[in-house]
Amino acid sequence: MMKAIEISQPGGSEVLRLVNREIPTPNHDELLIKVSAVGVNRPDILQREGKYPPPPGASDILGLEVSGIVCKVGELVQGHVEGEQICALVTGGGYAEYCTVPAAQVLPVPSGLDMIEAAALPEAFFTVWTNVFDRGNLQSGECFLVHGGSSGIGTTAIQLARAFGARVFATAGSADKCKACNQLGAERTINYKQEDFVKITKGLTDGVGLNLILDMVGGDYLQRNFSALAPEGRLVQIAFLEGSNVKVNLMPIMLKKLTFTGATLRSRPVEEKAQIADALKKRVWPLIESARVRPVIDSVIPLANAHKAHERMEASEHIGKIVLRVEP
């Protein structure tokens, strides 16, 4: 048996409870991981509230990214051994002492990182790579804006975009968060509570606008994003924290030849996630190991106090990643 965090019923953070569960058995193409740490993400909040059910076949236990030690290898898995230190993107099951994961979604812990830092990598780095560089096609020298720059996604996007030669801008909601984004490599961070990101980014780009925006806000940001984009600019949507049912004028898409796209990660096939993992290992892991890019850790909280991690995330006080530590 193992300890795990279970959702007793949809609701607030108080519905999270520590329970005993059977240790899962890996399929022939999976690994069983003894979890050291697990990253906390916005989809965890939505699932707890009953708004984001796990995809078919996924564990009902929360947790989309883990670090840990391989303790059992599926019979068809090659290239992995028991005792190996790894981090992994999972479709669920991370808030537990053990979880299973397709071997194709596993990456080695980068040298120089501990298990807490490694647990903060998969969800943010998979998401940023596939949306900013694959779908968004960000190129060196282009102007890039990420909304929510102090989030786990935001802090990752700032660093990677800067490392690959883009001009980077961000939005954030406090002076401290703006300062953190600037320190990570943002050329200018706009305090969205006090400033207009459309006006400021237009000024910073000599009136041309932005080549790429990564947005997780939605709502009234959608129209403003269209206004902020340069001709042939791209908008990639990865969440709708302020709502997806909005009334917008789509004429700018035609007049400026814009591209508006989006994607989710959790429900994508293992084969697609494997391709992202391969790209990260080849192109991003060397940046992490050379300390040019690092995960930003906001706080580390014991697994048994997962409710406190959710409360901190919902208060939007964090800068970077909140991580749950699984006691040995």
C-alpha atoms as a PDB file:
ATOM      1  CA  MET A   1       0.000   0.000   0.000  1.00  0.00           C
ATOM      2  CA  MET A   2       0.987   3.641  -0.442  1.00  0.00           C
ATOM      3  CA  LYS A   3      -0.033   7.058   0.789  1.00  0.00           C
ATOM      4  CA  ALA A   4      -1.874   9.240  -1.747  1.00  0.00           C
ATOM      5  CA  ILE A   5      -3.983  12.373  -1.860  1.00  0.00           C
ATOM      6  CA  GLU A   6      -7.582  11.677  -2.824  1.00  0.00           C
ATOM      7  CA  ILE A   7     -10.436  14.021  -3.758  1.00  0.00           C
ATOM      8  CA  SER A   8     -13.312  13.091  -1.439  1.00  0.00           C
ATOM      9  CA  GLN A   9     -15.787  15.110  -3.552  1.00  0.00           C
ATOM     10  CA  PRO A  10     -15.552  18.126  -5.863  1.00  0.00           C
ATOM     11  CA  GLY A  11     -14.948  21.313  -3.930  1.00  0.00           C
ATOM     12  CA  GLY A  12     -12.410  23.522  -2.192  1.00  0.00           C
ATOM     13  CA  SER A  13      -8.993  22.587  -0.885  1.00  0.00           C
ATOM     14  CA  GLU A  14     -10.575  20.950   2.168  1.00  0.00           C
ATOM     15  CA  VAL A  15     -11.753  17.988   0.023  1.00  0.00           C
ATOM     16  CA  LEU A  16      -8.148  16.768  -0.388  1.00  0.00           C
ATOM     17  CA  ARG A  17      -7.420  13.935   2.016  1.00  0.00           C
ATOM     18  CA  LEU A  18      -4.514  11.601   2.676  1.00  0.00           C
ATOM     19  CA  VAL A  19      -5.519   7.963   2.166  1.00  0.00           C
ATOM     20  CA  ASN A  20      -4.034   4.511   1.625  1.00  0.00           C
ATOM     21  CA  ARG A  21      -4.164   3.150  -1.919  1.00  0.00           C
ATOM     22  CA  GLU A  22      -2.776   0.081  -3.609  1.00  0.00           C
ATOM     23  CA  ILE A  23       0.537   0.625  -5.355  1.00  0.00           C
ATOM     24  CA  PRO A  24      -0.224   0.657  -9.111  1.00  0.00           C
ATOM     25  CA  THR A  25       1.196  -1.993 -11.443  1.00  0.00           C
ATOM     26  CA  PRO A  26       3.019  -0.760 -14.564  1.00  0.00           C
ATOM     27  CA  ASN A  27       1.899  -1.956 -17.981  1.00  0.00           C
ATOM     28  CA  HIS A  28       4.406  -3.547 -20.359  1.00  0.00           C
ATOM     29  CA  ASP A  29       5.469  -0.131 -21.743  1.00  0.00           C
ATOM     30  CA  GLU A  30       5.510   1.707 -18.414  1.00  0.00           C
ATOM     31  CA  LEU A  31       7.742   2.352 -15.427  1.00  0.00           C
ATOM     32  CA  LEU A  32       6.771   2.310 -11.770  1.00  0.00           C
ATOM     33  CA  ILE A  33       8.230   5.358 -10.046  1.00  0.00           C
ATOM     34  CA  LYS A  34       8.883   5.821  -6.336  1.00  0.00           C
ATOM     35  CA  VAL A  35       7.922   9.482  -6.206  1.00  0.00           C
ATOM     36  CA  SER A  36      10.270  11.984  -4.571  1.00  0.00           C
ATOM     37  CA  ALA A  37       8.384  15.169  -5.437  1.00  0.00           C
ATOM     38  CA  VAL A  38       5.447  16.341  -7.537  1.00  0.00           C
ATOM     39  CA  GLY A  39       4.725  19.700  -9.161  1.00  0.00           C
ATOM     40  CA  VAL A  40       1.443  21.496  -8.505  1.00  0.00           C
ATOM     41  CA  ASN A  41      -0.390  22.949 -11.514  1.00  0.00           C
ATOM     42  CA  ARG A  42      -3.583  24.882 -12.297  1.00  0.00           C
ATOM     43  CA  PRO A  43      -5.252  21.808 -13.841  1.00  0.00           C
ATOM     44  CA  ASP A  44      -4.982  20.177 -10.402  1.00  0.00           C
ATOM     45  CA  ILE A  45      -7.215  22.931  -9.029  1.00  0.00           C
ATOM     46  CA  LEU A  46      -9.715  22.498 -11.839  1.00  0.00           C
ATOM     47  CA  GLN A  47      -9.826  18.709 -11.377  1.00  0.00           C
ATOM     48  CA  ARG A  48     -10.358  19.115  -7.632  1.00  0.00           C
ATOM     49  CA  GLU A  49     -13.294  21.423  -8.389  1.00  0.00           C
ATOM     50  CA  GLY A  50     -14.823  18.868 -10.752  1.00  0.00           C
ATOM     51  CA  LYS A  51     -14.164  20.996 -13.861  1.00  0.00           C
ATOM     52  CA  TYR A  52     -11.378  18.955 -15.473  1.00  0.00           C
ATOM     53  CA  PRO A  53     -11.940  15.192 -15.327  1.00  0.00           C
ATOM     54  CA  PRO A  54      -8.952  12.954 -16.061  1.00  0.00           C
ATOM     55  CA  PRO A  55      -8.863  11.458 -19.563  1.00  0.00           C
ATOM     56  CA  PRO A  56      -9.993   7.840 -20.049  1.00  0.00           C
ATOM     57  CA  GLY A  57      -7.612   5.390 -18.430  1.00  0.00           C
ATOM     58  CA  ALA A  58      -5.814   7.994 -16.304  1.00  0.00           C
ATOM     59  CA  SER A  59      -5.574   7.807 -12.521  1.00  0.00           C
ATOM     60  CA  ASP A  60      -8.136   9.790 -10.539  1.00  0.00           C
ATOM     61  CA  ILE A  61      -5.291  10.926  -8.275  1.00  0.00           C
ATOM     62  CA  LEU A  62      -4.035  14.445  -8.969  1.00  0.00           C
ATOM     63  CA  GLY A  63      -0.540  15.244 -10.220  1.00  0.00           C
ATOM     64  CA  LEU A  64       0.797  15.781 -13.750  1.00  0.00           C
ATOM     65  CA  GLU A  65       4.561  15.785 -13.166  1.00  0.00           C
ATOM     66  CA  VAL A  66       6.875  13.916 -10.845  1.00  0.00           C
ATOM     67  CA  SER A  67      10.472  13.219 -10.030  1.00  0.00           C
ATOM     68  CA  GLY A  68      11.604   9.992  -8.473  1.00  0.00           C
ATOM     69  CA  ILE A  69      13.399   6.679  -8.766  1.00  0.00           C
ATOM     70  CA  VAL A  70      12.517   3.840 -11.116  1.00  0.00           C
ATOM     71  CA  CYS A  71      11.580   0.806  -9.025  1.00  0.00           C
ATOM     72  CA  LYS A  72      10.021  -1.462 -11.645  1.00  0.00           C
ATOM     73  CA  VAL A  73      10.451  -1.652 -15.422  1.00  0.00           C
ATOM     74  CA  GLY A  74       7.752  -2.905 -17.807  1.00  0.00           C
ATOM     75  CA  GLU A  75       8.693  -5.982 -19.800  1.00  0.00           C
ATOM     76  CA  LEU A  76       8.843  -4.171 -23.152  1.00  0.00           C
ATOM     77  CA  VAL A  77      10.703  -1.100 -21.898  1.00  0.00           C
ATOM     78  CA  GLN A  78      14.273  -0.608 -23.020  1.00  0.00           C
ATOM     79  CA  GLY A  79      16.828   1.967 -21.923  1.00  0.00           C
ATOM     80  CA  HIS A  80      15.683   2.256 -18.310  1.00  0.00           C
ATOM     81  CA  VAL A  81      16.848   0.410 -15.197  1.00  0.00           C
ATOM     82  CA  GLU A  82      15.762   0.165 -11.596  1.00  0.00           C
ATOM     83  CA  GLY A  83      17.363   2.820  -9.408  1.00  0.00           C
ATOM     84  CA  GLU A  84      17.501   5.417 -12.191  1.00  0.00           C
ATOM     85  CA  GLN A  85      16.661   8.993 -11.189  1.00  0.00           C
ATOM     86  CA  ILE A  86      14.083  10.489 -13.545  1.00  0.00           C
ATOM     87  CA  CYS A  87      11.424  13.135 -13.972  1.00  0.00           C
ATOM     88  CA  ALA A  88       8.278  12.491 -15.959  1.00  0.00           C
ATOM     89  CA  LEU A  89       5.101  13.938 -17.414  1.00  0.00           C
ATOM     90  CA  VAL A  90       2.114  11.892 -16.229  1.00  0.00           C
ATOM     91  CA  THR A  91      -1.615  12.044 -17.003  1.00  0.00           C
ATOM     92  CA  GLY A  92      -2.442  11.703 -13.305  1.00  0.00           C
ATOM     93  CA  GLY A  93      -1.352   9.849 -10.185  1.00  0.00           C
ATOM     94  CA  GLY A  94       1.474  12.133  -9.067  1.00  0.00           C
ATOM     95  CA  TYR A  95       0.147  13.024  -5.600  1.00  0.00           C
ATOM     96  CA  ALA A  96       1.242   9.656  -4.227  1.00  0.00           C
ATOM     97  CA  GLU A  97       4.247   7.684  -3.029  1.00  0.00           C
ATOM     98  CA  TYR A  98       4.259   5.650  -6.271  1.00  0.00           C
ATOM     99  CA  CYS A  99       2.935   6.217  -9.774  1.00  0.00           C
ATOM    100  CA  THR A 100       3.211   4.668 -13.222  1.00  0.00           C
ATOM    101  CA  VAL A 101       4.232   6.455 -16.413  1.00  0.00           C
ATOM    102  CA  PRO A 102       4.794   5.497 -20.061  1.00  0.00           C
ATOM    103  CA  ALA A 103       8.536   5.159 -20.506  1.00  0.00           C
ATOM    104  CA  ALA A 104       8.377   7.483 -23.534  1.00  0.00           C
ATOM    105  CA  GLN A 105       7.391  10.401 -21.263  1.00  0.00           C
ATOM    106  CA  VAL A 106      10.382  10.024 -18.955  1.00  0.00           C
ATOM    107  CA  LEU A 107      13.494  12.203 -18.944  1.00  0.00           C
ATOM    108  CA  PRO A 108      16.682  11.980 -16.880  1.00  0.00           C
ATOM    109  CA  VAL A 109      17.147  14.378 -13.999  1.00  0.00           C
ATOM    110  CA  PRO A 110      19.470  17.052 -15.430  1.00  0.00           C
ATOM    111  CA  SER A 111      22.873  17.148 -13.773  1.00  0.00           C
ATOM    112  CA  GLY A 112      23.048  19.851 -11.141  1.00  0.00           C
ATOM    113  CA  LEU A 113      19.370  19.639 -10.189  1.00  0.00           C
ATOM    114  CA  ASP A 114      17.896  17.997  -7.124  1.00  0.00           C
ATOM    115  CA  MET A 115      14.636  16.064  -7.049  1.00  0.00           C
ATOM    116  CA  ILE A 116      12.574  19.079  -6.003  1.00  0.00           C
ATOM    117  CA  GLU A 117      13.807  21.093  -8.976  1.00  0.00           C
ATOM    118  CA  ALA A 118      13.381  18.126 -11.313  1.00  0.00           C
ATOM    119  CA  ALA A 119       9.718  17.750 -10.321  1.00  0.00           C
ATOM    120  CA  ALA A 120       9.138  21.342 -11.479  1.00  0.00           C
ATOM    121  CA  LEU A 121      10.304  20.634 -15.035  1.00  0.00           C
ATOM    122  CA  PRO A 122       7.969  18.360 -17.045  1.00  0.00           C
ATOM    123  CA  GLU A 123       4.592  20.109 -17.196  1.00  0.00           C
ATOM    124  CA  ALA A 124       5.986  23.595 -17.778  1.00  0.00           C
ATOM    125  CA  PHE A 125       8.765  22.600 -20.158  1.00  0.00           C
ATOM    126  CA  PHE A 126       6.628  20.216 -22.242  1.00  0.00           C
ATOM    127  CA  THR A 127       3.920  22.893 -22.452  1.00  0.00           C
ATOM    128  CA  VAL A 128       6.233  25.753 -23.371  1.00  0.00           C
ATOM    129  CA  TRP A 129       8.214  23.784 -25.917  1.00  0.00           C
ATOM    130  CA  THR A 130       5.220  22.417 -27.822  1.00  0.00           C
ATOM    131  CA  ASN A 131       3.283  25.705 -27.788  1.00  0.00           C
ATOM    132  CA  VAL A 132       5.982  28.370 -28.115  1.00  0.00           C
ATOM    133  CA  PHE A 133       8.482  26.602 -30.357  1.00  0.00           C
ATOM    134  CA  ASP A 134       6.493  23.915 -32.204  1.00  0.00           C
ATOM    135  CA  ARG A 135       3.050  25.465 -32.608  1.00  0.00           C
ATOM    136  CA  GLY A 136       4.123  29.110 -32.175  1.00  0.00           C
ATOM    137  CA  ASN A 137       7.313  28.717 -34.245  1.00  0.00           C
ATOM    138  CA  LEU A 138       9.213  31.358 -32.262  1.00  0.00           C
ATOM    139  CA  GLN A 139      12.369  32.467 -34.068  1.00  0.00           C
ATOM    140  CA  SER A 140      15.485  34.287 -32.919  1.00  0.00           C
ATOM    141  CA  GLY A 141      15.002  38.049 -33.053  1.00  0.00           C
ATOM    142  CA  GLU A 142      11.213  37.925 -32.842  1.00  0.00           C
ATOM    143  CA  CYS A 143       9.190  39.751 -30.185  1.00  0.00           C
ATOM    144  CA  PHE A 144       7.427  37.428 -27.742  1.00  0.00           C
ATOM    145  CA  LEU A 145       4.953  38.157 -24.934  1.00  0.00           C
ATOM    146  CA  VAL A 146       3.884  35.691 -22.257  1.00  0.00           C
ATOM    147  CA  HIS A 147       0.955  36.508 -20.018  1.00  0.00           C
ATOM    148  CA  GLY A 148       1.264  35.373 -16.412  1.00  0.00           C
ATOM    149  CA  GLY A 149       5.029  35.711 -16.540  1.00  0.00           C
ATOM    150  CA  SER A 150       5.569  34.806 -12.882  1.00  0.00           C
ATOM    151  CA  SER A 151       3.755  31.453 -13.135  1.00  0.00           C
ATOM    152  CA  GLY A 152       5.524  28.154 -13.685  1.00  0.00           C
ATOM    153  CA  ILE A 153       4.702  28.371 -17.394  1.00  0.00           C
ATOM    154  CA  GLY A 154       5.674  32.023 -17.526  1.00  0.00           C
ATOM    155  CA  THR A 155       9.039  31.713 -15.812  1.00  0.00           C
ATOM    156  CA  THR A 156       9.893  28.820 -18.129  1.00  0.00           C
ATOM    157  CA  ALA A 157       8.749  30.637 -21.274  1.00  0.00           C
ATOM    158  CA  ILE A 158      10.742  33.761 -20.433  1.00  0.00           C
ATOM    159  CA  GLN A 159      13.966  31.829 -19.973  1.00  0.00           C
ATOM    160  CA  LEU A 160      13.609  29.578 -23.006  1.00  0.00           C
ATOM    161  CA  ALA A 161      12.535  32.351 -25.360  1.00  0.00           C
ATOM    162  CA  ARG A 162      15.478  34.466 -24.221  1.00  0.00           C
ATOM    163  CA  ALA A 163      17.888  31.530 -24.529  1.00  0.00           C
ATOM    164  CA  PHE A 164      16.799  31.019 -28.151  1.00  0.00           C
ATOM    165  CA  GLY A 165      17.331  34.653 -29.059  1.00  0.00           C
ATOM    166  CA  ALA A 166      13.899  36.293 -28.858  1.00  0.00           C
ATOM    167  CA  ARG A 167      13.021  39.675 -27.403  1.00  0.00           C
ATOM    168  CA  VAL A 168      10.888  38.757 -24.387  1.00  0.00           C
ATOM    169  CA  PHE A 169       8.081  40.671 -22.686  1.00  0.00           C
ATOM    170  CA  ALA A 170       5.728  39.552 -19.930  1.00  0.00           C
ATOM    171  CA  THR A 171       2.730  40.598 -17.877  1.00  0.00           C
ATOM    172  CA  ALA A 172       2.421  40.116 -14.123  1.00  0.00           C
ATOM    173  CA  GLY A 173       0.287  41.445 -11.291  1.00  0.00           C
ATOM    174  CA  SER A 174       2.651  42.989  -8.748  1.00  0.00           C
ATOM    175  CA  ALA A 175       5.930  44.864  -8.493  1.00  0.00           C
ATOM    176  CA  ASP A 176       7.672  41.815  -7.022  1.00  0.00           C
ATOM    177  CA  LYS A 177       6.404  39.563  -9.800  1.00  0.00           C
ATOM    178  CA  CYS A 178       7.456  42.068 -12.463  1.00  0.00           C
ATOM    179  CA  LYS A 179      10.910  42.283 -10.916  1.00  0.00           C
ATOM    180  CA  ALA A 180      11.227  38.478 -10.909  1.00  0.00           C
ATOM    181  CA  CYS A 181      10.290  38.293 -14.604  1.00  0.00           C
ATOM    182  CA  ASN A 182      12.849  40.958 -15.486  1.00  0.00           C
ATOM    183  CA  GLN A 183      15.544  39.111 -13.568  1.00  0.00           C
ATOM    184  CA  LEU A 184      14.770  35.968 -15.568  1.00  0.00           C
ATOM    185  CA  GLY A 185      15.323  37.776 -18.851  1.00  0.00           C
ATOM    186  CA  ALA A 186      12.190  39.732 -19.741  1.00  0.00           C
ATOM    187  CA  GLU A 187      13.128  43.003 -21.438  1.00  0.00           C
ATOM    188  CA  ARG A 188      10.020  44.640 -19.952  1.00  0.00           C
ATOM    189  CA  THR A 189       7.311  43.293 -17.669  1.00  0.00           C
ATOM    190  CA  ILE A 190       3.972  45.064 -17.688  1.00  0.00           C
ATOM    191  CA  ASN A 191       1.970  45.259 -14.456  1.00  0.00           C
ATOM    192  CA  TYR A 192      -1.440  44.417 -15.904  1.00  0.00           C
ATOM    193  CA  LYS A 193      -3.212  46.003 -12.929  1.00  0.00           C
ATOM    194  CA  GLN A 194      -1.723  49.393 -13.699  1.00  0.00           C
ATOM    195  CA  GLU A 195      -0.570  49.361 -17.330  1.00  0.00           C
ATOM    196  CA  ASP A 196      -1.873  48.588 -20.830  1.00  0.00           C
ATOM    197  CA  PHE A 197       0.191  45.802 -22.393  1.00  0.00           C
ATOM    198  CA  VAL A 198      -1.042  46.680 -25.899  1.00  0.00           C
ATOM    199  CA  LYS A 199       0.140  50.279 -25.689  1.00  0.00           C
ATOM    200  CA  ILE A 200       3.452  49.436 -24.038  1.00  0.00           C
ATOM    201  CA  THR A 201       4.445  46.597 -26.360  1.00  0.00           C
ATOM    202  CA  LYS A 202       3.510  48.670 -29.400  1.00  0.00           C
ATOM    203  CA  GLY A 203       5.814  51.384 -28.107  1.00  0.00           C
ATOM    204  CA  LEU A 204       8.635  48.931 -27.457  1.00  0.00           C
ATOM    205  CA  THR A 205       8.378  47.544 -31.004  1.00  0.00           C
ATOM    206  CA  ASP A 206       8.220  50.903 -32.826  1.00  0.00           C
ATOM    207  CA  GLY A 207       4.505  50.459 -33.429  1.00  0.00           C
ATOM    208  CA  VAL A 208       4.883  47.130 -35.228  1.00  0.00           C
ATOM    209  CA  GLY A 209       3.605  44.807 -32.521  1.00  0.00           C
ATOM    210  CA  LEU A 210       4.455  41.332 -31.292  1.00  0.00           C
ATOM    211  CA  ASN A 211       5.266  38.265 -33.352  1.00  0.00           C
ATOM    212  CA  LEU A 212       4.005  35.743 -30.800  1.00  0.00           C
ATOM    213  CA  ILE A 213       1.834  35.797 -27.681  1.00  0.00           C
ATOM    214  CA  LEU A 214       1.379  32.873 -25.283  1.00  0.00           C
ATOM    215  CA  ASP A 215      -1.858  33.389 -23.369  1.00  0.00           C
ATOM    216  CA  MET A 216      -3.488  31.506 -20.515  1.00  0.00           C
ATOM    217  CA  VAL A 217      -5.922  34.248 -19.505  1.00  0.00           C
ATOM    218  CA  GLY A 218      -8.545  34.448 -22.227  1.00  0.00           C
ATOM    219  CA  GLY A 219     -11.593  36.614 -21.514  1.00  0.00           C
ATOM    220  CA  ASP A 220     -11.152  40.210 -22.661  1.00  0.00           C
ATOM    221  CA  TYR A 221      -7.460  39.565 -23.309  1.00  0.00           C
ATOM    222  CA  LEU A 222      -8.383  37.892 -26.588  1.00  0.00           C
ATOM    223  CA  GLN A 223      -9.327  41.109 -28.410  1.00  0.00           C
ATOM    224  CA  ARG A 224      -6.386  42.960 -26.883  1.00  0.00           C
ATOM    225  CA  ASN A 225      -4.015  40.214 -27.986  1.00  0.00           C
ATOM    226  CA  PHE A 226      -5.180  40.633 -31.582  1.00  0.00           C
ATOM    227  CA  SER A 227      -4.481  44.363 -31.265  1.00  0.00           C
ATOM    228  CA  ALA A 228      -0.998  43.783 -29.850  1.00  0.00           C
ATOM    229  CA  LEU A 229       0.112  41.394 -32.602  1.00  0.00           C
ATOM    230  CA  ALA A 230       2.176  42.467 -35.587  1.00  0.00           C
ATOM    231  CA  PRO A 231       1.105  41.559 -39.140  1.00  0.00           C
ATOM    232  CA  GLU A 232       1.342  37.763 -39.526  1.00  0.00           C
ATOM    233  CA  GLY A 233       1.650  37.435 -35.751  1.00  0.00           C
ATOM    234  CA  ARG A 234       0.633  34.303 -33.852  1.00  0.00           C
ATOM    235  CA  LEU A 235      -1.480  33.854 -30.739  1.00  0.00           C
ATOM    236  CA  VAL A 236      -1.260  30.522 -28.913  1.00  0.00           C
ATOM    237  CA  GLN A 237      -3.934  29.876 -26.277  1.00  0.00           C
ATOM    238  CA  ILE A 238      -3.208  27.309 -23.560  1.00  0.00           C
ATOM    239  CA  ALA A 239      -5.861  28.134 -20.934  1.00  0.00           C
ATOM    240  CA  PHE A 240      -8.817  30.419 -20.207  1.00  0.00           C
ATOM    241  CA  LEU A 241      -8.496  31.564 -16.596  1.00  0.00           C
ATOM    242  CA  GLU A 242     -10.893  34.456 -17.325  1.00  0.00           C
ATOM    243  CA  GLY A 243     -13.257  32.415 -19.482  1.00  0.00           C
ATOM    244  CA  SER A 244     -13.464  30.996 -23.008  1.00  0.00           C
ATOM    245  CA  ASN A 245     -16.944  32.209 -23.961  1.00  0.00           C
ATOM    246  CA  VAL A 246     -16.178  35.698 -25.243  1.00  0.00           C
ATOM    247  CA  LYS A 247     -17.450  38.093 -27.905  1.00  0.00           C
ATOM    248  CA  VAL A 248     -14.651  39.282 -30.183  1.00  0.00           C
ATOM    249  CA  ASN A 249     -14.136  41.042 -33.481  1.00  0.00           C
ATOM    250  CA  LEU A 250     -12.263  38.610 -35.701  1.00  0.00           C
ATOM    251  CA  MET A 251     -11.554  41.113 -38.462  1.00  0.00           C
ATOM    252  CA  PRO A 252      -7.938  41.663 -37.270  1.00  0.00           C
ATOM    253  CA  ILE A 253      -7.189  38.017 -38.113  1.00  0.00           C
ATOM    254  CA  MET A 254      -7.969  38.763 -41.756  1.00  0.00           C
ATOM    255  CA  LEU A 255      -6.550  42.268 -41.955  1.00  0.00           C
ATOM    256  CA  LYS A 256      -3.238  41.366 -40.293  1.00  0.00           C
ATOM    257  CA  LYS A 257      -3.093  37.749 -41.476  1.00  0.00           C
ATOM    258  CA  LEU A 258      -2.889  36.488 -37.914  1.00  0.00           C
ATOM    259  CA  THR A 259      -2.716  32.890 -36.733  1.00  0.00           C
ATOM    260  CA  PHE A 260      -4.846  31.968 -33.697  1.00  0.00           C
ATOM    261  CA  THR A 261      -4.272  28.482 -32.363  1.00  0.00           C
ATOM    262  CA  GLY A 262      -4.148  26.520 -29.138  1.00  0.00           C
ATOM    263  CA  ALA A 263      -3.613  23.113 -27.631  1.00  0.00           C
ATOM    264  CA  THR A 264      -3.915  21.028 -24.513  1.00  0.00           C
ATOM    265  CA  LEU A 265      -1.259  18.604 -23.360  1.00  0.00           C
ATOM    266  CA  ARG A 266      -2.779  16.072 -20.980  1.00  0.00           C
ATOM    267  CA  SER A 267      -4.970  14.185 -23.458  1.00  0.00           C
ATOM    268  CA  ARG A 268      -2.445  14.035 -26.302  1.00  0.00           C
ATOM    269  CA  PRO A 269      -1.206  10.588 -27.404  1.00  0.00           C
ATOM    270  CA  VAL A 270       1.912   9.127 -25.837  1.00  0.00           C
ATOM    271  CA  GLU A 271       3.629   9.256 -29.233  1.00  0.00           C
ATOM    272  CA  GLU A 272       3.257  13.052 -29.390  1.00  0.00           C
ATOM    273  CA  LYS A 273       4.513  13.483 -25.847  1.00  0.00           C
ATOM    274  CA  ALA A 274       7.465  11.263 -26.715  1.00  0.00           C
ATOM    275  CA  GLN A 275       8.406  13.603 -29.567  1.00  0.00           C
ATOM    276  CA  ILE A 276       8.322  16.572 -27.192  1.00  0.00           C
ATOM    277  CA  ALA A 277      10.441  14.667 -24.682  1.00  0.00           C
ATOM    278  CA  ASP A 278      13.047  13.908 -27.352  1.00  0.00           C
ATOM    279  CA  ALA A 279      13.222  17.576 -28.366  1.00  0.00           C
ATOM    280  CA  LEU A 280      13.608  18.677 -24.764  1.00  0.00           C
ATOM    281  CA  LYS A 281      16.397  16.207 -24.110  1.00  0.00           C
ATOM    282  CA  LYS A 282      18.320  17.326 -27.192  1.00  0.00           C
ATOM    283  CA  ARG A 283      17.721  21.077 -27.152  1.00  0.00           C
ATOM    284  CA  VAL A 284      16.711  22.152 -23.653  1.00  0.00           C
ATOM    285  CA  TRP A 285      18.340  19.779 -21.162  1.00  0.00           C
ATOM    286  CA  PRO A 286      21.823  21.077 -22.160  1.00  0.00           C
ATOM    287  CA  LEU A 287      20.637  24.612 -21.327  1.00  0.00           C
ATOM    288  CA  ILE A 288      19.496  23.445 -17.908  1.00  0.00           C
ATOM    289  CA  GLU A 289      22.723  21.570 -17.226  1.00  0.00           C
ATOM    290  CA  SER A 290      24.762  24.640 -18.178  1.00  0.00           C
ATOM    291  CA  ALA A 291      22.579  26.738 -15.804  1.00  0.00           C
ATOM    292  CA  ARG A 292      21.370  29.018 -18.607  1.00  0.00           C
ATOM    293  CA  VAL A 293      17.821  27.931 -17.789  1.00  0.00           C
ATOM    294  CA  ARG A 294      16.617  26.814 -14.355  1.00  0.00           C
ATOM    295  CA  PRO A 295      13.265  25.960 -12.794  1.00  0.00           C
ATOM    296  CA  VAL A 296      12.034  28.635 -10.407  1.00  0.00           C
ATOM    297  CA  ILE A 297      10.841  27.134  -7.105  1.00  0.00           C
ATOM    298  CA  ASP A 298       8.358  29.166  -5.101  1.00  0.00           C
ATOM    299  CA  SER A 299       7.773  26.811  -2.190  1.00  0.00           C
ATOM    300  CA  VAL A 300       8.074  23.185  -1.087  1.00  0.00           C
ATOM    301  CA  ILE A 301       5.204  21.666   0.907  1.00  0.00           C
ATOM    302  CA  PRO A 302       4.797  18.121   2.309  1.00  0.00           C
ATOM    303  CA  LEU A 303       2.430  15.875   0.363  1.00  0.00           C
ATOM    304  CA  ALA A 304       0.154  15.506   3.390  1.00  0.00           C
ATOM    305  CA  ASN A 305      -0.410  19.288   3.270  1.00  0.00           C
ATOM    306  CA  ALA A 306      -1.418  19.375  -0.392  1.00  0.00           C
ATOM    307  CA  HIS A 307      -4.376  21.568   0.562  1.00  0.00           C
ATOM    308  CA  LYS A 308      -1.957  24.320   1.578  1.00  0.00           C
ATOM    309  CA  ALA A 309      -0.274  24.152  -1.823  1.00  0.00           C
ATOM    310  CA  HIS A 310      -3.649  24.551  -3.523  1.00  0.00           C
ATOM    311  CA  GLU A 311      -4.529  27.487  -1.289  1.00  0.00           C
ATOM    312  CA  ARG A 312      -1.276  29.231  -2.169  1.00  0.00           C
ATOM    313  CA  MET A 313      -1.815  28.704  -5.882  1.00  0.00           C
ATOM    314  CA  GLU A 314      -5.403  29.934  -5.719  1.00  0.00           C
ATOM    315  CA  ALA A 315      -4.254  33.058  -3.867  1.00  0.00           C
ATOM    316  CA  SER A 316      -1.876  33.765  -6.799  1.00  0.00           C
ATOM    317  CA  GLU A 317       0.908  34.601  -4.367  1.00  0.00           C
ATOM    318  CA  HIS A 318       3.486  32.320  -5.915  1.00  0.00           C
ATOM    319  CA  ILE A 319       6.378  33.090  -8.231  1.00  0.00           C
ATOM    320  CA  GLY A 320       7.431  29.973 -10.132  1.00  0.00           C
ATOM    321  CA  LYS A 321       6.536  26.438  -9.135  1.00  0.00           C
ATOM    322  CA  ILE A 322       4.920  25.051  -6.011  1.00  0.00           C
ATOM    323  CA  VAL A 323       6.234  21.544  -5.309  1.00  0.00           C
ATOM    324  CA  LEU A 324       4.971  18.800  -3.006  1.00  0.00           C
ATOM    325  CA  ARG A 325       7.674  16.796  -1.240  1.00  0.00           C
ATOM    326  CA  VAL A 326       6.914  13.109  -0.743  1.00  0.00           C
ATOM    327  CA  GLU A 327       8.388  11.962   2.548  1.00  0.00           C
ATOM    328  CA  PRO A 328      10.809   9.020   2.238  1.00  0.00           C
END
